[in-house]
N, C-alpha and C. Protein backbone atom coordinates (compact mmCIF):
# COMPACT_ATOMS: atom_id res chain seq x y z
N UNK A 1 -16.58 -17.15 17.34
CA UNK A 1 -16.38 -16.51 18.05
C UNK A 1 -15.11 -15.72 17.81
N UNK A 2 -14.23 -14.29 17.92
CA UNK A 2 -12.92 -14.02 17.44
C UNK A 2 -12.22 -14.84 18.40
N UNK A 3 -10.63 -15.11 17.92
CA UNK A 3 -9.73 -16.23 18.72
C UNK A 3 -8.40 -15.43 18.75
N UNK A 4 -8.33 -14.11 18.35
CA UNK A 4 -7.47 -13.59 18.62
C UNK A 4 -7.52 -11.95 18.36
N UNK A 5 -6.52 -11.22 19.02
CA UNK A 5 -6.64 -9.31 18.95
C UNK A 5 -5.11 -8.85 18.96
N UNK A 6 -5.34 -8.21 17.49
CA UNK A 6 -4.84 -7.72 17.13
C UNK A 6 -4.94 -6.36 17.09
N UNK A 7 -3.74 -5.23 18.59
CA UNK A 7 -3.35 -4.16 18.93
C UNK A 7 -2.03 -3.49 18.38
N UNK A 8 -2.56 -2.38 17.95
CA UNK A 8 -1.85 -2.11 16.48
C UNK A 8 -1.37 -0.03 17.17
N UNK A 9 0.00 0.02 16.82
CA UNK A 9 0.38 1.42 16.31
C UNK A 9 0.80 1.86 15.10
N UNK A 10 -0.28 2.96 14.08
CA UNK A 10 0.40 2.99 13.31
C UNK A 10 0.97 4.32 12.66
N UNK A 11 1.93 4.07 11.90
CA UNK A 11 3.27 5.61 12.41
C UNK A 11 2.95 6.04 11.30
N UNK A 12 2.84 7.49 11.01
CA UNK A 12 3.53 8.65 9.44
C UNK A 12 2.33 8.86 9.40
N UNK A 13 2.28 9.76 7.98
CA UNK A 13 1.33 10.73 8.21
C UNK A 13 -0.27 9.85 8.14
N UNK A 14 -0.93 10.03 8.90
CA UNK A 14 -1.82 9.12 8.71
C UNK A 14 -3.59 9.55 9.70
N UNK A 15 -3.03 11.14 9.86
CA UNK A 15 -4.18 11.95 10.39
C UNK A 15 -4.08 12.52 9.35
N UNK A 16 -5.83 13.13 9.68
CA UNK A 16 -6.35 13.88 7.93
C UNK A 16 -6.29 13.91 6.76
N UNK A 17 -6.47 12.63 6.92
CA UNK A 17 -5.96 11.73 5.58
C UNK A 17 -7.57 10.57 5.24
N UNK A 18 -8.35 10.89 6.25
CA UNK A 18 -9.30 9.34 6.72
C UNK A 18 -8.65 8.12 6.42
N UNK A 19 -7.55 7.90 7.94
CA UNK A 19 -7.37 6.88 7.87
C UNK A 19 -7.94 5.94 8.63
N UNK A 20 -8.66 6.25 9.86
CA UNK A 20 -9.32 6.00 10.61
C UNK A 20 -10.82 5.42 9.57
N UNK A 21 -11.33 5.96 9.13
CA UNK A 21 -12.30 5.43 8.35
C UNK A 21 -12.20 5.00 7.29
N UNK A 22 -10.50 5.14 6.91
CA UNK A 22 -10.48 3.36 5.82
C UNK A 22 -10.06 2.45 6.70
N UNK A 23 -9.60 1.95 7.87
CA UNK A 23 -9.59 1.28 8.80
C UNK A 23 -11.12 0.81 9.31
N UNK A 24 -11.34 1.42 9.27
CA UNK A 24 -13.71 1.11 9.72
C UNK A 24 -14.41 0.66 8.34
N UNK A 25 -13.40 0.77 7.48
CA UNK A 25 -14.05 -0.36 6.16
C UNK A 25 -13.47 -0.92 5.73
N UNK A 26 -12.28 -1.61 6.38
CA UNK A 26 -11.65 -2.74 5.35
C UNK A 26 -12.29 -3.51 7.23
N UNK A 27 -12.22 -2.84 8.48
CA UNK A 27 -12.60 -3.50 9.27
C UNK A 27 -14.69 -4.15 9.04
N UNK A 28 -14.68 -3.51 8.77
CA UNK A 28 -16.32 -3.93 8.72
C UNK A 28 -16.41 -5.01 7.17
N UNK A 29 -15.24 -4.80 6.94
CA UNK A 29 -15.57 -5.70 5.52
C UNK A 29 -15.19 -6.61 5.66
N UNK A 30 -14.17 -7.51 6.55
CA UNK A 30 -13.97 -8.78 7.52
C UNK A 30 -14.69 -9.18 8.50
N UNK A 31 -15.33 -8.41 8.91
CA UNK A 31 -16.28 -8.49 10.27
C UNK A 31 -15.55 -8.76 10.92
N UNK A 32 -14.85 -7.91 11.51
CA UNK A 32 -13.84 -7.63 12.82
C UNK A 32 -14.90 -7.04 13.97
N UNK A 33 -14.14 -7.00 15.12
CA UNK A 33 -14.77 -5.52 15.76
C UNK A 33 -13.77 -5.29 16.63
N UNK A 34 -13.95 -4.31 17.46
CA UNK A 34 -13.00 -3.24 18.39
C UNK A 34 -13.15 -1.63 17.80
N UNK A 35 -11.79 -1.46 17.17
CA UNK A 35 -12.30 0.17 17.35
C UNK A 35 -10.59 0.96 16.75
N UNK A 36 -10.69 1.80 16.07
CA UNK A 36 -10.00 2.95 15.81
C UNK A 36 -10.04 4.58 16.47
N UNK A 37 -8.57 5.19 16.91
CA UNK A 37 -8.82 6.06 17.06
C UNK A 37 -7.33 6.99 16.68
N UNK A 38 -7.37 8.49 16.41
CA UNK A 38 -6.42 9.26 16.87
C UNK A 38 -5.42 9.48 17.61
N UNK A 39 -4.76 9.47 17.72
CA UNK A 39 -3.35 9.44 19.71
C UNK A 39 -2.57 11.20 19.25
N UNK A 40 -3.06 11.92 20.42
CA UNK A 40 -2.27 13.51 19.87
C UNK A 40 -1.00 13.31 19.52
N UNK A 41 -0.38 12.27 19.59
CA UNK A 41 0.91 12.27 18.89
C UNK A 41 0.85 12.48 17.10
N UNK A 42 0.39 12.14 16.85
CA UNK A 42 -0.15 12.26 15.17
C UNK A 42 -0.78 10.71 14.82
N UNK A 43 -0.27 9.30 15.75
CA UNK A 43 -0.54 7.83 15.55
C UNK A 43 -1.69 7.91 15.29
N UNK A 44 -1.88 6.57 14.95
CA UNK A 44 -3.71 6.07 15.03
C UNK A 44 -2.77 5.08 15.55
N UNK A 45 -4.01 4.42 16.62
CA UNK A 45 -4.48 3.64 17.37
C UNK A 45 -5.37 2.81 16.83
N UNK A 46 -5.58 1.26 17.19
CA UNK A 46 -6.44 0.37 16.96
C UNK A 46 -5.99 -0.98 17.58
N UNK A 47 -7.09 -1.82 18.10
CA UNK A 47 -7.80 -3.17 18.24
C UNK A 47 -8.83 -3.88 17.10
N UNK A 48 -8.28 -4.62 16.90
CA UNK A 48 -9.41 -5.45 16.22
C UNK A 48 -9.77 -6.98 16.68
N UNK A 49 -10.68 -7.59 16.53
CA UNK A 49 -10.95 -9.30 17.08
C UNK A 49 -11.33 -9.58 16.00
N UNK A 50 -11.11 -11.28 15.63
CA UNK A 50 -11.41 -12.39 15.34
C UNK A 50 -10.78 -13.15 15.18
N UNK A 51 -10.82 -13.84 13.55
CA UNK A 51 -9.78 -14.75 13.40
C UNK A 51 -8.31 -14.51 12.51
N UNK A 52 -7.53 -15.09 12.96
CA UNK A 52 -5.91 -14.70 12.50
C UNK A 52 -5.96 -14.48 10.84
N UNK A 53 -6.26 -15.08 9.86
CA UNK A 53 -6.33 -15.08 8.45
C UNK A 53 -7.14 -13.78 8.33
N UNK A 54 -7.98 -13.18 9.25
CA UNK A 54 -8.98 -11.81 8.65
C UNK A 54 -8.31 -10.83 9.00
N UNK A 55 -7.60 -10.65 10.18
CA UNK A 55 -6.27 -10.09 11.14
C UNK A 55 -4.85 -9.82 10.27
N UNK A 56 -4.81 -10.48 9.55
CA UNK A 56 -3.33 -10.67 8.58
C UNK A 56 -3.71 -9.79 7.65
N UNK A 57 -5.07 -9.73 7.06
CA UNK A 57 -5.32 -8.48 6.30
C UNK A 57 -5.78 -7.57 6.16
N UNK A 58 -6.41 -7.68 7.77
CA UNK A 58 -6.30 -5.91 7.89
C UNK A 58 -5.10 -5.22 8.62
N UNK A 59 -4.05 -6.01 9.08
CA UNK A 59 -2.82 -6.00 9.34
C UNK A 59 -1.96 -5.78 7.47
N UNK A 60 -2.20 -6.31 6.77
CA UNK A 60 -1.59 -5.73 5.30
C UNK A 60 -2.26 -4.64 4.52
N UNK A 61 -3.83 -4.19 4.98
CA UNK A 61 -3.92 -2.88 4.79
C UNK A 61 -3.70 -1.72 5.33
N UNK A 62 -3.21 -1.91 6.74
CA UNK A 62 -2.08 -1.41 7.76
C UNK A 62 -1.25 -0.55 6.95
N UNK A 63 -0.22 -1.14 6.52
CA UNK A 63 0.70 -1.37 6.05
C UNK A 63 0.97 -0.31 4.86
N UNK A 64 -0.26 -1.08 4.10
CA UNK A 64 -0.02 0.29 2.80
C UNK A 64 -0.94 1.27 2.74
N UNK A 65 -1.96 1.15 3.46
CA UNK A 65 -2.50 3.10 4.07
C UNK A 65 -3.17 3.05 3.17
N UNK A 66 -4.31 4.18 4.04
CA UNK A 66 -5.30 5.03 2.92
C UNK A 66 -5.05 5.84 1.95
N UNK A 67 -5.81 6.03 0.85
CA UNK A 67 -5.33 7.22 -0.47
C UNK A 67 -4.78 8.28 0.66
N UNK A 68 -3.55 9.32 0.35
CA UNK A 68 -2.99 10.29 0.71
C UNK A 68 -2.43 10.19 2.34
N UNK A 69 -2.41 8.79 2.28
CA UNK A 69 -1.17 8.99 3.94
C UNK A 69 -0.16 7.99 3.65
N UNK A 70 1.19 8.01 4.54
CA UNK A 70 2.32 7.54 4.58
C UNK A 70 2.35 7.29 5.73
N UNK A 71 2.48 5.95 5.67
CA UNK A 71 2.52 4.68 6.87
C UNK A 71 4.06 3.94 7.00
N UNK A 72 4.29 4.75 8.02
CA UNK A 72 6.10 4.41 7.94
C UNK A 72 6.53 3.52 8.75
N UNK A 73 5.44 3.13 10.04
CA UNK A 73 5.68 1.95 10.69
C UNK A 73 4.63 1.60 11.03
N UNK A 74 4.18 0.05 11.11
CA UNK A 74 3.16 -0.35 12.41
C UNK A 74 3.56 -1.33 13.15
N UNK A 75 3.68 -1.30 14.57
CA UNK A 75 3.92 -1.51 15.78
C UNK A 75 2.71 -2.45 16.03
N UNK A 76 2.70 -3.58 16.28
CA UNK A 76 1.20 -4.53 16.73
C UNK A 76 1.37 -5.67 17.48
N UNK A 77 1.30 -6.21 18.79
CA UNK A 77 1.15 -7.66 19.57
C UNK A 77 -0.51 -7.94 19.16
N UNK A 78 -0.25 -9.02 19.24
CA UNK A 78 -1.10 -9.85 18.39
C UNK A 78 -1.01 -10.75 20.38
N UNK A 79 -2.60 -10.59 20.58
CA UNK A 79 -3.31 -10.78 21.86
C UNK A 79 -4.23 -11.85 21.80
N UNK A 80 -4.99 -12.94 22.52
CA UNK A 80 -6.00 -13.85 22.44
C UNK A 80 -7.36 -12.18 23.13
N UNK A 81 -8.24 -12.99 21.97
CA UNK A 81 -9.58 -12.13 21.84
C UNK A 81 -10.22 -12.24 23.20
N UNK A 82 -10.63 -10.74 23.58
CA UNK A 82 -11.29 -11.01 25.00
C UNK A 82 -12.56 -11.22 24.75
N UNK A 83 -13.27 -10.21 23.93
CA UNK A 83 -14.32 -10.64 22.97
C UNK A 83 -15.65 -10.05 23.70
N UNK A 84 -15.23 -8.66 23.85
CA UNK A 84 -15.63 -7.69 24.61
C UNK A 84 -16.48 -6.46 23.40
N UNK A 85 -15.97 -7.04 22.29
CA UNK A 85 -16.62 -5.93 21.25
C UNK A 85 -17.78 -6.40 20.16
N UNK A 86 -18.73 -5.88 20.36
CA UNK A 86 -20.09 -6.76 18.95
C UNK A 86 -19.58 -6.02 18.03
N UNK A 87 -19.10 -4.98 17.17
CA UNK A 87 -18.89 -4.42 16.32
C UNK A 87 -17.21 -3.31 16.37
N UNK A 88 -17.13 -2.53 15.38
CA UNK A 88 -16.20 -1.89 15.21
C UNK A 88 -16.50 -0.62 15.04
N UNK A 89 -15.92 0.08 15.26
CA UNK A 89 -15.93 2.06 15.87
C UNK A 89 -14.67 2.79 15.79
N UNK A 90 -14.90 4.34 15.51
CA UNK A 90 -14.19 5.12 15.77
C UNK A 90 -14.28 5.92 17.41
N UNK A 91 -13.18 5.33 17.76
CA UNK A 91 -13.29 6.62 19.30
C UNK A 91 -12.41 7.81 18.96
N UNK A 92 -13.32 8.28 19.63
CA UNK A 92 -12.53 10.42 19.93
C UNK A 92 -10.89 9.76 20.54
N UNK A 93 -10.22 10.97 19.76
CA UNK A 93 -8.28 11.16 20.50
C UNK A 93 -8.50 11.15 21.69
N UNK A 94 -7.37 9.89 21.64
CA UNK A 94 -6.38 9.92 23.27
C UNK A 94 -4.97 10.37 23.18
């Protein structure tokens, strides 16, 4: 069962470059649950749950970004897992 949750806002040139699909792929490879979505202000928001080591790998991937993206900042909060997700998905823009 997941023990931690990562809530992150990724800033920079992260929309229109496949960034959400990049996050989805990394999260699925790490067997994380949660979601990712674009925000109307141009940032990307995500919530991921899993063990700390795998969440750290996702965090590193967020900082590097996808091909074509330019990440300028990742603002994150580490929280206890809520265990409400069964998979990782892309949500509509908020």
